Amino acid sequence: MTNSAFAVTANGSMTVRLTITNECKVQTANDLNFASHGVLDANVDQTSTIGVQCTSGQTYNVGLGAGSGSGATVAVRKMTSPAAGTVNYTIYRDSGHSLVWGNTVGTDTATGTGNGNVQNLTVYGRVPAQLTPAAGDYTDTVAITIEY
């Protein structure tokens, strides 16, 4: 006969917790690349995407700043070059290029409701026909803001 040192058992339980708070994040932001062009005598259109992820059911507004080009507005953003030239462009929320994408909630931001997954928003960019500056690389940096 063997004597067990542990002949009696007792049971209990523990609570496991996690609190989910409302949150939104910019998960991806692809470059808006207008590629290479010569004379800017016609519109140059291009698209990009911004991937937003929010908790399920959370409503959000995605705004885009005017960019870092001197004198830029959300209606006329400016890519600049070290050669001191500028190229005007505009970012829109729609493929018809009629809804400018800015950063005023209720006026010119993109809206949505989170579903827990990354939701891709299409960015529609246009460089309109304009006086063509000197050859070179033109860039701008546009801030993305999510309000929720």
N, C-alpha and C. Protein backbone atom coordinates (compact mmCIF):
# COMPACT_ATOMS: atom_id res chain seq x y z
N MET A 1 0.83 -1.16 0.00
CA MET A 1 0.00 0.00 0.00
C MET A 1 0.90 1.25 0.00
N THR A 2 0.60 2.20 -0.90
CA THR A 2 1.34 3.45 -0.98
C THR A 2 0.53 4.58 -0.36
N ASN A 3 1.25 5.38 0.34
CA ASN A 3 0.60 6.55 0.94
C ASN A 3 0.85 7.75 0.04
N SER A 4 -0.20 8.41 -0.41
CA SER A 4 -0.05 9.61 -1.24
C SER A 4 0.02 10.82 -0.33
N ALA A 5 0.99 11.67 -0.63
CA ALA A 5 1.13 12.88 0.16
C ALA A 5 0.05 13.90 -0.19
N PHE A 6 -0.58 13.69 -1.35
CA PHE A 6 -1.59 14.64 -1.82
C PHE A 6 -2.90 13.90 -2.09
N ALA A 7 -3.58 13.53 -1.09
CA ALA A 7 -4.79 12.75 -1.24
C ALA A 7 -6.04 13.61 -1.33
N VAL A 8 -5.95 14.90 -0.99
CA VAL A 8 -7.12 15.77 -1.00
C VAL A 8 -6.84 16.93 -1.96
N THR A 9 -7.84 17.32 -2.75
CA THR A 9 -7.69 18.46 -3.66
C THR A 9 -8.71 19.53 -3.29
N ALA A 10 -8.37 20.74 -3.64
CA ALA A 10 -9.28 21.87 -3.45
C ALA A 10 -9.35 22.63 -4.76
N ASN A 11 -10.48 23.18 -5.08
CA ASN A 11 -10.67 23.92 -6.32
C ASN A 11 -10.98 25.38 -6.04
N GLY A 12 -10.64 26.20 -7.02
CA GLY A 12 -10.93 27.62 -6.94
C GLY A 12 -11.02 28.18 -8.34
N SER A 13 -11.09 29.46 -8.47
CA SER A 13 -11.13 30.08 -9.80
C SER A 13 -10.46 31.45 -9.73
N MET A 14 -10.16 31.97 -10.89
CA MET A 14 -9.62 33.32 -10.98
C MET A 14 -10.34 34.05 -12.11
N THR A 15 -10.38 35.34 -12.02
CA THR A 15 -10.99 36.16 -13.05
C THR A 15 -9.89 36.66 -13.99
N VAL A 16 -10.16 36.59 -15.26
CA VAL A 16 -9.23 37.10 -16.27
C VAL A 16 -9.89 38.31 -16.90
N ARG A 17 -9.15 39.41 -17.00
CA ARG A 17 -9.74 40.66 -17.49
C ARG A 17 -8.89 41.31 -18.58
N LEU A 18 -9.57 42.03 -19.43
CA LEU A 18 -8.95 42.90 -20.41
C LEU A 18 -9.95 43.99 -20.72
N THR A 19 -9.54 45.22 -20.67
CA THR A 19 -10.41 46.33 -21.02
C THR A 19 -9.97 46.86 -22.38
N ILE A 20 -10.89 46.85 -23.31
CA ILE A 20 -10.63 47.42 -24.64
C ILE A 20 -11.09 48.87 -24.60
N THR A 21 -10.20 49.77 -24.96
CA THR A 21 -10.55 51.18 -25.03
C THR A 21 -10.66 51.58 -26.49
N ASN A 22 -11.44 52.61 -26.74
CA ASN A 22 -11.56 53.10 -28.11
C ASN A 22 -10.21 53.64 -28.58
N GLU A 23 -9.81 53.21 -29.77
CA GLU A 23 -8.54 53.66 -30.32
C GLU A 23 -8.59 53.57 -31.84
N CYS A 24 -7.87 54.45 -32.47
CA CYS A 24 -7.66 54.42 -33.92
C CYS A 24 -6.19 54.66 -34.19
N LYS A 25 -5.69 54.02 -35.24
CA LYS A 25 -4.29 54.18 -35.64
C LYS A 25 -4.18 54.26 -37.16
N VAL A 26 -3.18 55.00 -37.62
CA VAL A 26 -2.80 54.93 -39.03
C VAL A 26 -1.85 53.75 -39.13
N GLN A 27 -2.27 52.69 -39.79
CA GLN A 27 -1.43 51.49 -39.91
C GLN A 27 -0.54 51.55 -41.15
N THR A 28 -1.03 52.16 -42.22
CA THR A 28 -0.23 52.30 -43.44
C THR A 28 -0.56 53.63 -44.11
N ALA A 29 0.40 54.16 -44.81
CA ALA A 29 0.20 55.36 -45.61
C ALA A 29 1.16 55.27 -46.78
N ASN A 30 0.63 54.86 -47.93
CA ASN A 30 1.47 54.72 -49.12
C ASN A 30 1.75 56.08 -49.74
N ASP A 31 2.95 56.21 -50.30
CA ASP A 31 3.32 57.47 -50.97
C ASP A 31 2.36 57.77 -52.11
N LEU A 32 2.05 59.04 -52.28
CA LEU A 32 1.29 59.51 -53.44
C LEU A 32 2.35 59.94 -54.45
N ASN A 33 2.62 59.08 -55.42
CA ASN A 33 3.72 59.27 -56.35
C ASN A 33 3.17 59.62 -57.73
N PHE A 34 3.42 60.84 -58.16
CA PHE A 34 2.96 61.29 -59.48
C PHE A 34 3.93 60.89 -60.60
N ALA A 35 5.01 60.19 -60.27
CA ALA A 35 6.00 59.67 -61.22
C ALA A 35 6.74 60.81 -61.93
N SER A 36 7.24 60.54 -63.12
CA SER A 36 8.03 61.53 -63.89
C SER A 36 7.20 62.09 -65.04
N HIS A 37 7.27 63.40 -65.21
CA HIS A 37 6.55 64.07 -66.29
C HIS A 37 7.40 65.23 -66.79
N GLY A 38 7.15 65.62 -68.01
CA GLY A 38 7.83 66.79 -68.58
C GLY A 38 6.98 68.02 -68.33
N VAL A 39 6.54 68.64 -69.39
CA VAL A 39 5.72 69.84 -69.29
C VAL A 39 4.37 69.49 -68.65
N LEU A 40 3.95 70.29 -67.69
CA LEU A 40 2.69 70.05 -66.99
C LEU A 40 1.55 70.78 -67.71
N ASP A 41 1.22 70.28 -68.92
CA ASP A 41 0.20 70.93 -69.74
C ASP A 41 -1.16 70.22 -69.68
N ALA A 42 -1.28 69.20 -68.82
CA ALA A 42 -2.54 68.48 -68.62
C ALA A 42 -2.54 67.95 -67.19
N ASN A 43 -3.72 67.62 -66.69
CA ASN A 43 -3.82 67.06 -65.34
C ASN A 43 -3.04 65.77 -65.23
N VAL A 44 -2.38 65.58 -64.10
CA VAL A 44 -1.70 64.33 -63.78
C VAL A 44 -2.40 63.77 -62.55
N ASP A 45 -3.10 62.65 -62.71
CA ASP A 45 -3.85 62.05 -61.61
C ASP A 45 -3.16 60.79 -61.10
N GLN A 46 -3.27 60.57 -59.79
CA GLN A 46 -2.69 59.38 -59.18
C GLN A 46 -3.46 59.08 -57.90
N THR A 47 -3.42 57.80 -57.46
CA THR A 47 -4.07 57.42 -56.22
C THR A 47 -3.08 56.79 -55.26
N SER A 48 -3.49 56.74 -54.01
CA SER A 48 -2.73 56.11 -52.96
C SER A 48 -3.73 55.59 -51.93
N THR A 49 -3.24 54.97 -50.87
CA THR A 49 -4.15 54.50 -49.82
C THR A 49 -3.59 54.83 -48.43
N ILE A 50 -4.53 55.04 -47.52
CA ILE A 50 -4.22 55.19 -46.10
C ILE A 50 -4.98 54.07 -45.40
N GLY A 51 -4.27 53.27 -44.62
CA GLY A 51 -4.90 52.19 -43.87
C GLY A 51 -5.16 52.61 -42.43
N VAL A 52 -6.43 52.66 -42.04
CA VAL A 52 -6.84 53.08 -40.71
C VAL A 52 -7.41 51.87 -39.97
N GLN A 53 -7.01 51.71 -38.72
CA GLN A 53 -7.56 50.62 -37.91
C GLN A 53 -8.12 51.20 -36.62
N CYS A 54 -9.41 50.91 -36.37
CA CYS A 54 -10.08 51.40 -35.17
C CYS A 54 -10.82 50.25 -34.50
N THR A 55 -11.06 50.41 -33.21
CA THR A 55 -11.85 49.42 -32.51
C THR A 55 -13.25 49.36 -33.13
N SER A 56 -13.86 48.19 -33.06
CA SER A 56 -15.18 47.99 -33.66
C SER A 56 -16.19 48.97 -33.10
N GLY A 57 -16.93 49.60 -34.02
CA GLY A 57 -17.98 50.53 -33.65
C GLY A 57 -17.52 51.95 -33.42
N GLN A 58 -16.22 52.19 -33.41
CA GLN A 58 -15.70 53.54 -33.17
C GLN A 58 -15.78 54.37 -34.45
N THR A 59 -16.47 55.50 -34.40
CA THR A 59 -16.52 56.40 -35.55
C THR A 59 -15.25 57.24 -35.57
N TYR A 60 -14.84 57.64 -36.77
CA TYR A 60 -13.61 58.40 -36.90
C TYR A 60 -13.67 59.37 -38.07
N ASN A 61 -12.79 60.36 -38.02
CA ASN A 61 -12.59 61.34 -39.10
C ASN A 61 -11.11 61.37 -39.41
N VAL A 62 -10.75 61.21 -40.68
CA VAL A 62 -9.36 61.26 -41.10
C VAL A 62 -9.14 62.57 -41.85
N GLY A 63 -8.23 63.37 -41.33
CA GLY A 63 -7.91 64.65 -41.95
C GLY A 63 -6.50 64.65 -42.51
N LEU A 64 -6.30 65.45 -43.55
CA LEU A 64 -4.98 65.63 -44.14
C LEU A 64 -4.62 67.10 -44.07
N GLY A 65 -3.43 67.38 -43.55
CA GLY A 65 -2.95 68.75 -43.43
C GLY A 65 -2.63 69.37 -44.78
N ALA A 66 -2.28 70.65 -44.76
CA ALA A 66 -1.97 71.38 -45.99
C ALA A 66 -0.62 71.01 -46.58
N GLY A 67 0.21 70.32 -45.81
CA GLY A 67 1.55 70.00 -46.29
C GLY A 67 2.56 71.01 -45.80
N SER A 68 3.81 70.75 -46.12
CA SER A 68 4.89 71.60 -45.59
C SER A 68 5.37 72.67 -46.57
N GLY A 69 4.80 72.71 -47.77
CA GLY A 69 5.21 73.72 -48.75
C GLY A 69 4.77 75.11 -48.32
N SER A 70 5.64 76.08 -48.45
CA SER A 70 5.35 77.45 -48.05
C SER A 70 4.14 77.98 -48.81
N GLY A 71 3.16 78.50 -48.07
CA GLY A 71 1.97 79.07 -48.67
C GLY A 71 0.90 78.06 -49.05
N ALA A 72 1.10 76.80 -48.71
CA ALA A 72 0.15 75.75 -49.08
C ALA A 72 -1.14 75.86 -48.28
N THR A 73 -2.24 75.46 -48.89
CA THR A 73 -3.53 75.30 -48.23
C THR A 73 -4.03 73.90 -48.58
N VAL A 74 -5.12 73.46 -47.96
CA VAL A 74 -5.62 72.13 -48.32
C VAL A 74 -6.17 72.13 -49.75
N ALA A 75 -6.57 73.28 -50.26
CA ALA A 75 -7.07 73.36 -51.64
C ALA A 75 -5.94 73.40 -52.66
N VAL A 76 -4.82 74.00 -52.29
CA VAL A 76 -3.66 74.07 -53.19
C VAL A 76 -2.42 73.75 -52.37
N ARG A 77 -2.04 72.49 -52.39
CA ARG A 77 -0.81 72.07 -51.71
C ARG A 77 0.36 72.32 -52.65
N LYS A 78 1.58 72.32 -52.07
CA LYS A 78 2.75 72.65 -52.89
C LYS A 78 3.91 71.69 -52.63
N MET A 79 4.33 71.01 -53.71
CA MET A 79 5.57 70.24 -53.65
C MET A 79 6.70 71.20 -53.96
N THR A 80 7.81 71.07 -53.25
CA THR A 80 8.94 71.97 -53.46
C THR A 80 10.18 71.19 -53.87
N SER A 81 11.11 71.92 -54.42
CA SER A 81 12.38 71.36 -54.88
C SER A 81 13.51 72.24 -54.34
N PRO A 82 14.68 71.65 -54.13
CA PRO A 82 15.83 72.47 -53.73
C PRO A 82 16.12 73.59 -54.72
N ALA A 83 15.67 73.46 -55.94
CA ALA A 83 15.88 74.49 -56.96
C ALA A 83 14.94 75.67 -56.74
N ALA A 84 14.17 75.66 -55.63
CA ALA A 84 13.27 76.74 -55.23
C ALA A 84 12.01 76.83 -56.07
N GLY A 85 11.72 75.85 -56.87
CA GLY A 85 10.46 75.83 -57.61
C GLY A 85 9.38 75.13 -56.82
N THR A 86 8.13 75.29 -57.26
CA THR A 86 7.01 74.58 -56.63
C THR A 86 6.11 73.98 -57.71
N VAL A 87 5.45 72.89 -57.32
CA VAL A 87 4.43 72.27 -58.16
C VAL A 87 3.17 72.19 -57.31
N ASN A 88 2.09 72.79 -57.80
CA ASN A 88 0.82 72.75 -57.09
C ASN A 88 0.13 71.41 -57.31
N TYR A 89 -0.58 70.95 -56.28
CA TYR A 89 -1.38 69.73 -56.40
C TYR A 89 -2.50 69.79 -55.38
N THR A 90 -3.48 68.92 -55.54
CA THR A 90 -4.61 68.85 -54.62
C THR A 90 -4.90 67.39 -54.33
N ILE A 91 -5.36 67.12 -53.10
CA ILE A 91 -5.76 65.78 -52.70
C ILE A 91 -7.27 65.79 -52.49
N TYR A 92 -7.92 64.77 -53.05
CA TYR A 92 -9.37 64.67 -52.98
C TYR A 92 -9.80 63.37 -52.30
N ARG A 93 -11.06 63.39 -51.81
CA ARG A 93 -11.65 62.20 -51.20
C ARG A 93 -12.44 61.37 -52.19
N ASP A 94 -12.63 61.87 -53.41
CA ASP A 94 -13.46 61.17 -54.39
C ASP A 94 -12.76 61.09 -55.74
N SER A 95 -13.15 60.08 -56.52
CA SER A 95 -12.53 59.86 -57.83
C SER A 95 -12.90 60.94 -58.84
N GLY A 96 -13.97 61.69 -58.60
CA GLY A 96 -14.36 62.78 -59.49
C GLY A 96 -13.60 64.06 -59.23
N HIS A 97 -12.72 64.05 -58.25
CA HIS A 97 -11.89 65.20 -57.90
C HIS A 97 -12.72 66.45 -57.59
N SER A 98 -13.78 66.25 -56.82
CA SER A 98 -14.62 67.40 -56.45
C SER A 98 -14.64 67.65 -54.94
N LEU A 99 -14.25 66.65 -54.12
CA LEU A 99 -14.26 66.81 -52.66
C LEU A 99 -12.83 66.90 -52.14
N VAL A 100 -12.38 68.14 -51.89
CA VAL A 100 -11.02 68.35 -51.39
C VAL A 100 -10.89 67.68 -50.03
N TRP A 101 -9.73 67.08 -49.77
CA TRP A 101 -9.48 66.40 -48.50
C TRP A 101 -8.65 67.32 -47.61
N GLY A 102 -9.27 67.81 -46.55
CA GLY A 102 -8.59 68.70 -45.62
C GLY A 102 -8.60 68.13 -44.22
N ASN A 103 -8.66 69.02 -43.23
CA ASN A 103 -8.58 68.57 -41.84
C ASN A 103 -9.61 69.23 -40.92
N THR A 104 -10.73 69.70 -41.49
CA THR A 104 -11.80 70.29 -40.70
C THR A 104 -12.93 69.27 -40.57
N VAL A 105 -13.08 68.71 -39.36
CA VAL A 105 -14.11 67.70 -39.12
C VAL A 105 -15.48 68.25 -39.47
N GLY A 106 -16.27 67.47 -40.18
CA GLY A 106 -17.61 67.88 -40.59
C GLY A 106 -17.63 68.66 -41.88
N THR A 107 -16.46 68.99 -42.41
CA THR A 107 -16.38 69.78 -43.64
C THR A 107 -15.65 69.05 -44.75
N ASP A 108 -14.41 68.63 -44.49
CA ASP A 108 -13.60 68.07 -45.58
C ASP A 108 -12.73 66.88 -45.17
N THR A 109 -13.18 66.14 -44.15
CA THR A 109 -12.44 64.94 -43.74
C THR A 109 -13.16 63.69 -44.24
N ALA A 110 -12.45 62.56 -44.23
CA ALA A 110 -13.06 61.28 -44.57
C ALA A 110 -13.57 60.66 -43.28
N THR A 111 -14.76 60.08 -43.31
CA THR A 111 -15.36 59.52 -42.11
C THR A 111 -15.56 58.02 -42.27
N GLY A 112 -15.66 57.35 -41.14
CA GLY A 112 -15.93 55.93 -41.16
C GLY A 112 -16.23 55.41 -39.77
N THR A 113 -16.51 54.11 -39.72
CA THR A 113 -16.74 53.42 -38.46
C THR A 113 -15.85 52.19 -38.42
N GLY A 114 -15.06 52.07 -37.38
CA GLY A 114 -14.13 50.96 -37.26
C GLY A 114 -14.82 49.61 -37.17
N ASN A 115 -14.14 48.59 -37.69
CA ASN A 115 -14.65 47.22 -37.58
C ASN A 115 -13.59 46.29 -36.98
N GLY A 116 -12.52 46.88 -36.44
CA GLY A 116 -11.45 46.09 -35.84
C GLY A 116 -10.34 45.74 -36.82
N ASN A 117 -10.63 45.79 -38.10
CA ASN A 117 -9.64 45.49 -39.15
C ASN A 117 -9.10 46.79 -39.75
N VAL A 118 -8.04 46.68 -40.51
CA VAL A 118 -7.52 47.83 -41.25
C VAL A 118 -8.50 48.15 -42.38
N GLN A 119 -8.91 49.40 -42.46
CA GLN A 119 -9.79 49.86 -43.52
C GLN A 119 -9.00 50.81 -44.39
N ASN A 120 -8.93 50.51 -45.68
CA ASN A 120 -8.15 51.33 -46.61
C ASN A 120 -8.99 52.44 -47.20
N LEU A 121 -8.49 53.65 -47.09
CA LEU A 121 -9.12 54.83 -47.69
C LEU A 121 -8.31 55.23 -48.91
N THR A 122 -8.99 55.45 -50.01
CA THR A 122 -8.29 55.85 -51.24
C THR A 122 -8.07 57.36 -51.25
N VAL A 123 -6.85 57.74 -51.58
CA VAL A 123 -6.44 59.13 -51.72
C VAL A 123 -6.34 59.41 -53.21
N TYR A 124 -7.04 60.45 -53.67
CA TYR A 124 -7.03 60.82 -55.09
C TYR A 124 -6.25 62.12 -55.24
N GLY A 125 -5.11 62.05 -55.90
CA GLY A 125 -4.27 63.23 -56.07
C GLY A 125 -4.32 63.75 -57.49
N ARG A 126 -4.18 65.06 -57.63
CA ARG A 126 -4.14 65.67 -58.97
C ARG A 126 -3.14 66.81 -58.99
N VAL A 127 -2.24 66.76 -59.97
CA VAL A 127 -1.39 67.89 -60.31
C VAL A 127 -2.07 68.53 -61.52
N PRO A 128 -2.62 69.73 -61.37
CA PRO A 128 -3.29 70.35 -62.52
C PRO A 128 -2.28 70.92 -63.51
N ALA A 129 -2.75 71.18 -64.72
CA ALA A 129 -1.90 71.86 -65.71
C ALA A 129 -1.47 73.19 -65.10
N GLN A 130 -0.17 73.53 -65.26
CA GLN A 130 0.38 74.75 -64.67
C GLN A 130 1.71 75.08 -65.32
N LEU A 131 2.20 76.25 -65.03
CA LEU A 131 3.51 76.65 -65.51
C LEU A 131 4.52 75.65 -64.96
N THR A 132 5.31 75.04 -65.84
CA THR A 132 6.23 73.99 -65.41
C THR A 132 7.53 74.59 -64.89
N PRO A 133 7.89 74.26 -63.64
CA PRO A 133 9.15 74.77 -63.08
C PRO A 133 10.35 73.99 -63.63
N ALA A 134 11.52 74.29 -63.12
CA ALA A 134 12.76 73.63 -63.55
C ALA A 134 12.71 72.14 -63.24
N ALA A 135 13.45 71.37 -64.02
CA ALA A 135 13.55 69.92 -63.79
C ALA A 135 14.13 69.66 -62.41
N GLY A 136 13.68 68.59 -61.78
CA GLY A 136 14.16 68.22 -60.45
C GLY A 136 13.15 67.36 -59.73
N ASP A 137 13.48 66.97 -58.53
CA ASP A 137 12.58 66.18 -57.69
C ASP A 137 11.80 67.12 -56.78
N TYR A 138 10.48 66.99 -56.80
CA TYR A 138 9.59 67.83 -56.00
C TYR A 138 8.88 66.95 -54.98
N THR A 139 8.88 67.37 -53.72
CA THR A 139 8.27 66.58 -52.66
C THR A 139 7.49 67.46 -51.69
N ASP A 140 6.65 66.80 -50.91
CA ASP A 140 5.91 67.45 -49.85
C ASP A 140 5.63 66.39 -48.78
N THR A 141 5.36 66.81 -47.57
CA THR A 141 4.98 65.92 -46.49
C THR A 141 3.64 66.39 -45.94
N VAL A 142 2.65 65.50 -45.94
CA VAL A 142 1.30 65.82 -45.49
C VAL A 142 1.00 65.04 -44.23
N ALA A 143 0.60 65.75 -43.17
CA ALA A 143 0.25 65.11 -41.90
C ALA A 143 -1.12 64.45 -42.00
N ILE A 144 -1.24 63.26 -41.42
CA ILE A 144 -2.51 62.54 -41.34
C ILE A 144 -2.96 62.57 -39.89
N THR A 145 -4.21 62.98 -39.67
CA THR A 145 -4.75 63.06 -38.31
C THR A 145 -6.06 62.28 -38.26
N ILE A 146 -6.19 61.44 -37.22
CA ILE A 146 -7.46 60.74 -37.01
C ILE A 146 -8.07 61.28 -35.73
N GLU A 147 -9.29 61.77 -35.84
CA GLU A 147 -10.04 62.20 -34.66
C GLU A 147 -11.14 61.20 -34.41
N TYR A 148 -11.25 60.75 -33.16
CA TYR A 148 -12.26 59.75 -32.80
C TYR A 148 -12.76 59.97 -31.40
